[in-house]
Amino acid sequence: MRNNREYQICKDIAIYMRMQYPDVLFHYDLSGLNLSRSQAGMMKAIQGGRGWPDLFIAHPKNNFPEQSYQGLFIEIKKEGTLIWTRAGKPTTPHIAEQIDCLDRLTELGYMAEFGIGMDDCFKLIDDYLKV
Protein backbone atom coordinates (compact mmCIF):
# COMPACT_ATOMS: atom_id res chain seq x y z
CA MET A 1 0.00 0.00 0.00
CA ARG A 2 1.41 3.37 -0.95
CA ASN A 3 1.92 6.07 1.65
CA ASN A 4 -1.45 7.77 2.15
CA ARG A 5 -0.90 10.84 4.35
CA GLU A 6 -4.60 11.76 4.47
CA TYR A 7 -5.43 8.27 5.77
CA GLN A 8 -2.75 8.58 8.47
CA ILE A 9 -4.21 11.94 9.54
CA CYS A 10 -7.69 10.35 9.69
CA LYS A 11 -6.35 7.49 11.77
CA ASP A 12 -4.62 9.88 14.20
CA ILE A 13 -7.80 11.97 14.49
CA ALA A 14 -9.81 8.83 15.30
CA ILE A 15 -7.38 7.98 18.10
CA TYR A 16 -7.53 11.58 19.35
CA MET A 17 -11.33 11.58 19.31
CA ARG A 18 -11.52 8.32 21.26
CA MET A 19 -9.09 9.64 23.89
CA GLN A 20 -10.19 13.28 24.21
CA TYR A 21 -13.91 13.00 23.43
CA PRO A 22 -14.94 9.39 24.17
CA ASP A 23 -18.67 10.22 24.31
CA VAL A 24 -18.79 12.12 21.01
CA LEU A 25 -20.04 10.20 17.97
CA PHE A 26 -18.05 10.56 14.75
CA HIS A 27 -17.99 8.88 11.35
CA TYR A 28 -15.64 8.80 8.36
CA ASP A 29 -16.66 8.69 4.73
CA LEU A 30 -14.78 5.74 3.23
CA SER A 31 -14.39 7.02 -0.32
CA GLY A 32 -10.80 8.16 0.27
CA LEU A 33 -9.55 4.64 0.93
CA ASN A 34 -7.77 2.53 -1.65
CA LEU A 35 -10.64 0.25 -2.61
CA SER A 36 -10.73 -2.51 -5.18
CA ARG A 37 -12.47 -1.70 -8.45
CA SER A 38 -15.64 -3.54 -7.41
CA GLN A 39 -15.65 -1.93 -3.94
CA ALA A 40 -15.20 1.51 -5.48
CA GLY A 41 -18.11 0.83 -7.84
CA MET A 42 -20.30 -0.29 -4.95
CA MET A 43 -19.41 2.84 -2.95
CA LYS A 44 -20.16 5.09 -5.91
CA ALA A 45 -23.56 3.45 -6.37
CA ILE A 46 -24.69 4.29 -2.83
CA GLN A 47 -23.23 7.81 -2.50
CA GLY A 48 -25.54 10.80 -2.50
CA GLY A 49 -23.18 12.99 -4.48
CA ARG A 50 -19.59 14.04 -5.01
CA GLY A 51 -17.42 16.13 -2.74
CA TRP A 52 -18.73 14.75 0.57
CA PRO A 53 -16.43 15.62 3.51
CA ASP A 54 -14.23 12.99 5.14
CA LEU A 55 -15.31 13.36 8.78
CA PHE A 56 -18.63 14.07 10.51
CA ILE A 57 -18.81 14.81 14.23
CA ALA A 58 -22.41 14.29 15.33
CA HIS A 59 -22.52 16.77 18.18
CA PRO A 60 -24.84 19.80 17.97
CA LYS A 61 -23.52 23.04 19.46
CA ASN A 62 -25.84 25.84 20.49
CA ASN A 63 -23.45 28.15 22.31
CA PHE A 64 -21.46 29.78 19.52
CA PRO A 65 -21.94 33.55 19.33
CA GLU A 66 -24.80 34.29 16.91
CA GLN A 67 -24.80 30.72 15.51
CA SER A 68 -25.72 27.18 16.40
CA TYR A 69 -24.66 24.09 14.49
CA GLN A 70 -26.12 20.62 13.94
CA GLY A 71 -22.65 19.04 13.79
CA LEU A 72 -19.17 19.46 12.33
CA PHE A 73 -17.96 18.25 8.92
CA ILE A 74 -14.26 18.34 8.05
CA GLU A 75 -12.75 17.76 4.63
CA ILE A 76 -9.27 16.54 5.56
CA LYS A 77 -6.27 17.46 3.43
CA LYS A 78 -2.58 16.72 3.93
CA GLU A 79 -0.23 19.48 5.01
CA GLY A 80 0.57 21.99 2.30
CA THR A 81 -2.58 21.39 0.22
CA LEU A 82 -3.75 24.55 -1.54
CA ILE A 83 -7.49 25.12 -1.80
CA TRP A 84 -7.49 28.42 -3.71
CA THR A 85 -5.33 29.82 -6.51
CA ARG A 86 -3.96 33.36 -6.30
CA ALA A 87 -6.83 34.37 -8.57
CA GLY A 88 -9.31 33.15 -5.94
CA LYS A 89 -10.43 30.02 -7.82
CA PRO A 90 -10.39 26.42 -6.55
CA THR A 91 -7.11 24.68 -7.36
CA THR A 92 -8.79 21.60 -8.91
CA PRO A 93 -12.26 20.59 -10.13
CA HIS A 94 -12.45 18.06 -7.25
CA ILE A 95 -11.72 20.76 -4.67
CA ALA A 96 -14.41 22.90 -6.35
CA GLU A 97 -16.89 20.05 -5.73
CA GLN A 98 -15.77 19.84 -2.12
CA ILE A 99 -16.16 23.61 -1.64
CA ASP A 100 -19.68 23.39 -3.06
CA CYS A 101 -20.59 20.54 -0.71
CA LEU A 102 -19.14 22.35 2.34
CA ASP A 103 -21.09 25.49 1.37
CA ARG A 104 -24.33 23.50 1.05
CA LEU A 105 -23.79 21.84 4.43
CA THR A 106 -23.12 25.26 6.00
CA GLU A 107 -26.41 26.53 4.56
CA LEU A 108 -28.13 23.55 6.24
CA GLY A 109 -26.82 24.52 9.67
CA TYR A 110 -23.61 22.52 9.98
CA MET A 111 -20.12 23.83 10.57
CA ALA A 112 -18.25 22.58 7.49
CA GLU A 113 -14.57 23.33 6.96
CA PHE A 114 -11.36 22.20 5.31
CA GLY A 115 -8.75 20.88 7.74
CA ILE A 116 -5.26 21.22 6.28
CA GLY A 117 -2.98 18.84 8.15
CA MET A 118 -3.39 17.15 11.50
CA ASP A 119 -2.78 20.22 13.67
CA ASP A 120 -5.40 22.24 11.81
CA CYS A 121 -7.91 19.39 12.15
CA PHE A 122 -7.23 19.07 15.89
CA LYS A 123 -7.74 22.84 16.27
CA LEU A 124 -11.05 22.73 14.36
CA ILE A 125 -12.27 19.85 16.54
CA ASP A 126 -11.18 21.45 19.80
CA ASP A 127 -12.55 24.88 18.89
CA TYR A 128 -15.88 23.27 18.00
CA LEU A 129 -16.25 20.87 20.93
CA LYS A 130 -14.82 23.06 23.70
CA VAL A 131 -16.95 26.15 23.11
C-alpha atoms as a PDB file:
ATOM      1  CA  MET A   1       0.000   0.000   0.000  1.00  0.00           C
ATOM      2  CA  ARG A   2       1.409   3.366  -0.954  1.00  0.00           C
ATOM      3  CA  ASN A   3       1.916   6.071   1.647  1.00  0.00           C
ATOM      4  CA  ASN A   4      -1.451   7.770   2.149  1.00  0.00           C
ATOM      5  CA  ARG A   5      -0.902  10.842   4.345  1.00  0.00           C
ATOM      6  CA  GLU A   6      -4.597  11.757   4.472  1.00  0.00           C
ATOM      7  CA  TYR A   7      -5.426   8.268   5.767  1.00  0.00           C
ATOM      8  CA  GLN A   8      -2.751   8.585   8.469  1.00  0.00           C
ATOM      9  CA  ILE A   9      -4.211  11.942   9.537  1.00  0.00           C
ATOM     10  CA  CYS A  10      -7.686  10.351   9.691  1.00  0.00           C
ATOM     11  CA  LYS A  11      -6.355   7.486  11.773  1.00  0.00           C
ATOM     12  CA  ASP A  12      -4.618   9.880  14.198  1.00  0.00           C
ATOM     13  CA  ILE A  13      -7.795  11.968  14.495  1.00  0.00           C
ATOM     14  CA  ALA A  14      -9.809   8.830  15.302  1.00  0.00           C
ATOM     15  CA  ILE A  15      -7.379   7.979  18.104  1.00  0.00           C
ATOM     16  CA  TYR A  16      -7.529  11.580  19.346  1.00  0.00           C
ATOM     17  CA  MET A  17     -11.328  11.583  19.310  1.00  0.00           C
ATOM     18  CA  ARG A  18     -11.516   8.324  21.263  1.00  0.00           C
ATOM     19  CA  MET A  19      -9.091   9.637  23.885  1.00  0.00           C
ATOM     20  CA  GLN A  20     -10.191  13.276  24.209  1.00  0.00           C
ATOM     21  CA  TYR A  21     -13.910  13.000  23.430  1.00  0.00           C
ATOM     22  CA  PRO A  22     -14.942   9.394  24.171  1.00  0.00           C
ATOM     23  CA  ASP A  23     -18.675  10.217  24.314  1.00  0.00           C
ATOM     24  CA  VAL A  24     -18.789  12.123  21.012  1.00  0.00           C
ATOM     25  CA  LEU A  25     -20.045  10.201  17.967  1.00  0.00           C
ATOM     26  CA  PHE A  26     -18.048  10.560  14.749  1.00  0.00           C
ATOM     27  CA  HIS A  27     -17.992   8.883  11.353  1.00  0.00           C
ATOM     28  CA  TYR A  28     -15.642   8.795   8.364  1.00  0.00           C
ATOM     29  CA  ASP A  29     -16.661   8.685   4.732  1.00  0.00           C
ATOM     30  CA  LEU A  30     -14.777   5.736   3.233  1.00  0.00           C
ATOM     31  CA  SER A  31     -14.390   7.023  -0.321  1.00  0.00           C
ATOM     32  CA  GLY A  32     -10.803   8.164   0.272  1.00  0.00           C
ATOM     33  CA  LEU A  33      -9.552   4.639   0.932  1.00  0.00           C
ATOM     34  CA  ASN A  34      -7.769   2.532  -1.649  1.00  0.00           C
ATOM     35  CA  LEU A  35     -10.644   0.255  -2.607  1.00  0.00           C
ATOM     36  CA  SER A  36     -10.732  -2.505  -5.182  1.00  0.00           C
ATOM     37  CA  ARG A  37     -12.468  -1.698  -8.454  1.00  0.00           C
ATOM     38  CA  SER A  38     -15.642  -3.541  -7.411  1.00  0.00           C
ATOM     39  CA  GLN A  39     -15.650  -1.934  -3.937  1.00  0.00           C
ATOM     40  CA  ALA A  40     -15.195   1.508  -5.485  1.00  0.00           C
ATOM     41  CA  GLY A  41     -18.106   0.827  -7.839  1.00  0.00           C
ATOM     42  CA  MET A  42     -20.304  -0.290  -4.950  1.00  0.00           C
ATOM     43  CA  MET A  43     -19.405   2.836  -2.950  1.00  0.00           C
ATOM     44  CA  LYS A  44     -20.160   5.087  -5.914  1.00  0.00           C
ATOM     45  CA  ALA A  45     -23.563   3.447  -6.375  1.00  0.00           C
ATOM     46  CA  ILE A  46     -24.692   4.286  -2.832  1.00  0.00           C
ATOM     47  CA  GLN A  47     -23.229   7.805  -2.498  1.00  0.00           C
ATOM     48  CA  GLY A  48     -25.538  10.800  -2.499  1.00  0.00           C
ATOM     49  CA  GLY A  49     -23.176  12.985  -4.485  1.00  0.00           C
ATOM     50  CA  ARG A  50     -19.586  14.040  -5.010  1.00  0.00           C
ATOM     51  CA  GLY A  51     -17.416  16.132  -2.737  1.00  0.00           C
ATOM     52  CA  TRP A  52     -18.732  14.746   0.572  1.00  0.00           C
ATOM     53  CA  PRO A  53     -16.425  15.615   3.511  1.00  0.00           C
ATOM     54  CA  ASP A  54     -14.232  12.992   5.143  1.00  0.00           C
ATOM     55  CA  LEU A  55     -15.308  13.363   8.778  1.00  0.00           C
ATOM     56  CA  PHE A  56     -18.627  14.073  10.508  1.00  0.00           C
ATOM     57  CA  ILE A  57     -18.811  14.813  14.229  1.00  0.00           C
ATOM     58  CA  ALA A  58     -22.413  14.292  15.334  1.00  0.00           C
ATOM     59  CA  HIS A  59     -22.517  16.766  18.179  1.00  0.00           C
ATOM     60  CA  PRO A  60     -24.841  19.801  17.965  1.00  0.00           C
ATOM     61  CA  LYS A  61     -23.518  23.038  19.457  1.00  0.00           C
ATOM     62  CA  ASN A  62     -25.839  25.844  20.490  1.00  0.00           C
ATOM     63  CA  ASN A  63     -23.449  28.151  22.309  1.00  0.00           C
ATOM     64  CA  PHE A  64     -21.462  29.775  19.521  1.00  0.00           C
ATOM     65  CA  PRO A  65     -21.936  33.552  19.326  1.00  0.00           C
ATOM     66  CA  GLU A  66     -24.804  34.291  16.906  1.00  0.00           C
ATOM     67  CA  GLN A  67     -24.802  30.722  15.511  1.00  0.00           C
ATOM     68  CA  SER A  68     -25.722  27.176  16.399  1.00  0.00           C
ATOM     69  CA  TYR A  69     -24.664  24.089  14.487  1.00  0.00           C
ATOM     70  CA  GLN A  70     -26.119  20.623  13.936  1.00  0.00           C
ATOM     71  CA  GLY A  71     -22.648  19.036  13.793  1.00  0.00           C
ATOM     72  CA  LEU A  72     -19.165  19.461  12.325  1.00  0.00           C
ATOM     73  CA  PHE A  73     -17.964  18.251   8.919  1.00  0.00           C
ATOM     74  CA  ILE A  74     -14.257  18.343   8.053  1.00  0.00           C
ATOM     75  CA  GLU A  75     -12.746  17.760   4.629  1.00  0.00           C
ATOM     76  CA  ILE A  76      -9.271  16.539   5.559  1.00  0.00           C
ATOM     77  CA  LYS A  77      -6.268  17.462   3.433  1.00  0.00           C
ATOM     78  CA  LYS A  78      -2.584  16.721   3.928  1.00  0.00           C
ATOM     79  CA  GLU A  79      -0.232  19.480   5.014  1.00  0.00           C
ATOM     80  CA  GLY A  80       0.571  21.991   2.299  1.00  0.00           C
ATOM     81  CA  THR A  81      -2.581  21.390   0.216  1.00  0.00           C
ATOM     82  CA  LEU A  82      -3.746  24.545  -1.536  1.00  0.00           C
ATOM     83  CA  ILE A  83      -7.487  25.120  -1.804  1.00  0.00           C
ATOM     84  CA  TRP A  84      -7.490  28.420  -3.708  1.00  0.00           C
ATOM     85  CA  THR A  85      -5.333  29.823  -6.510  1.00  0.00           C
ATOM     86  CA  ARG A  86      -3.961  33.357  -6.301  1.00  0.00           C
ATOM     87  CA  ALA A  87      -6.827  34.365  -8.571  1.00  0.00           C
ATOM     88  CA  GLY A  88      -9.311  33.145  -5.940  1.00  0.00           C
ATOM     89  CA  LYS A  89     -10.432  30.023  -7.819  1.00  0.00           C
ATOM     90  CA  PRO A  90     -10.388  26.419  -6.554  1.00  0.00           C
ATOM     91  CA  THR A  91      -7.107  24.676  -7.361  1.00  0.00           C
ATOM     92  CA  THR A  92      -8.793  21.598  -8.914  1.00  0.00           C
ATOM     93  CA  PRO A  93     -12.260  20.590 -10.125  1.00  0.00           C
ATOM     94  CA  HIS A  94     -12.446  18.061  -7.255  1.00  0.00           C
ATOM     95  CA  ILE A  95     -11.719  20.763  -4.670  1.00  0.00           C
ATOM     96  CA  ALA A  96     -14.409  22.898  -6.348  1.00  0.00           C
ATOM     97  CA  GLU A  97     -16.895  20.050  -5.733  1.00  0.00           C
ATOM     98  CA  GLN A  98     -15.770  19.841  -2.117  1.00  0.00           C
ATOM     99  CA  ILE A  99     -16.159  23.611  -1.645  1.00  0.00           C
ATOM    100  CA  ASP A 100     -19.682  23.386  -3.064  1.00  0.00           C
ATOM    101  CA  CYS A 101     -20.591  20.539  -0.707  1.00  0.00           C
ATOM    102  CA  LEU A 102     -19.143  22.354   2.341  1.00  0.00           C
ATOM    103  CA  ASP A 103     -21.093  25.491   1.375  1.00  0.00           C
ATOM    104  CA  ARG A 104     -24.327  23.495   1.048  1.00  0.00           C
ATOM    105  CA  LEU A 105     -23.786  21.840   4.434  1.00  0.00           C
ATOM    106  CA  THR A 106     -23.117  25.256   5.998  1.00  0.00           C
ATOM    107  CA  GLU A 107     -26.414  26.528   4.565  1.00  0.00           C
ATOM    108  CA  LEU A 108     -28.135  23.550   6.236  1.00  0.00           C
ATOM    109  CA  GLY A 109     -26.822  24.516   9.672  1.00  0.00           C
ATOM    110  CA  TYR A 110     -23.608  22.520   9.982  1.00  0.00           C
ATOM    111  CA  MET A 111     -20.123  23.826  10.567  1.00  0.00           C
ATOM    112  CA  ALA A 112     -18.251  22.581   7.493  1.00  0.00           C
ATOM    113  CA  GLU A 113     -14.566  23.334   6.961  1.00  0.00           C
ATOM    114  CA  PHE A 114     -11.358  22.204   5.309  1.00  0.00           C
ATOM    115  CA  GLY A 115      -8.747  20.878   7.735  1.00  0.00           C
ATOM    116  CA  ILE A 116      -5.262  21.221   6.276  1.00  0.00           C
ATOM    117  CA  GLY A 117      -2.977  18.842   8.154  1.00  0.00           C
ATOM    118  CA  MET A 118      -3.393  17.148  11.495  1.00  0.00           C
ATOM    119  CA  ASP A 119      -2.779  20.220  13.669  1.00  0.00           C
ATOM    120  CA  ASP A 120      -5.404  22.245  11.815  1.00  0.00           C
ATOM    121  CA  CYS A 121      -7.907  19.388  12.149  1.00  0.00           C
ATOM    122  CA  PHE A 122      -7.232  19.071  15.892  1.00  0.00           C
ATOM    123  CA  LYS A 123      -7.742  22.836  16.273  1.00  0.00           C
ATOM    124  CA  LEU A 124     -11.049  22.733  14.364  1.00  0.00           C
ATOM    125  CA  ILE A 125     -12.273  19.854  16.537  1.00  0.00           C
ATOM    126  CA  ASP A 126     -11.179  21.446  19.796  1.00  0.00           C
ATOM    127  CA  ASP A 127     -12.554  24.877  18.892  1.00  0.00           C
ATOM    128  CA  TYR A 128     -15.879  23.271  18.003  1.00  0.00           C
ATOM    129  CA  LEU A 129     -16.251  20.870  20.934  1.00  0.00           C
ATOM    130  CA  LYS A 130     -14.817  23.056  23.700  1.00  0.00           C
ATOM    131  CA  VAL A 131     -16.954  26.150  23.112  1.00  0.00           C
END
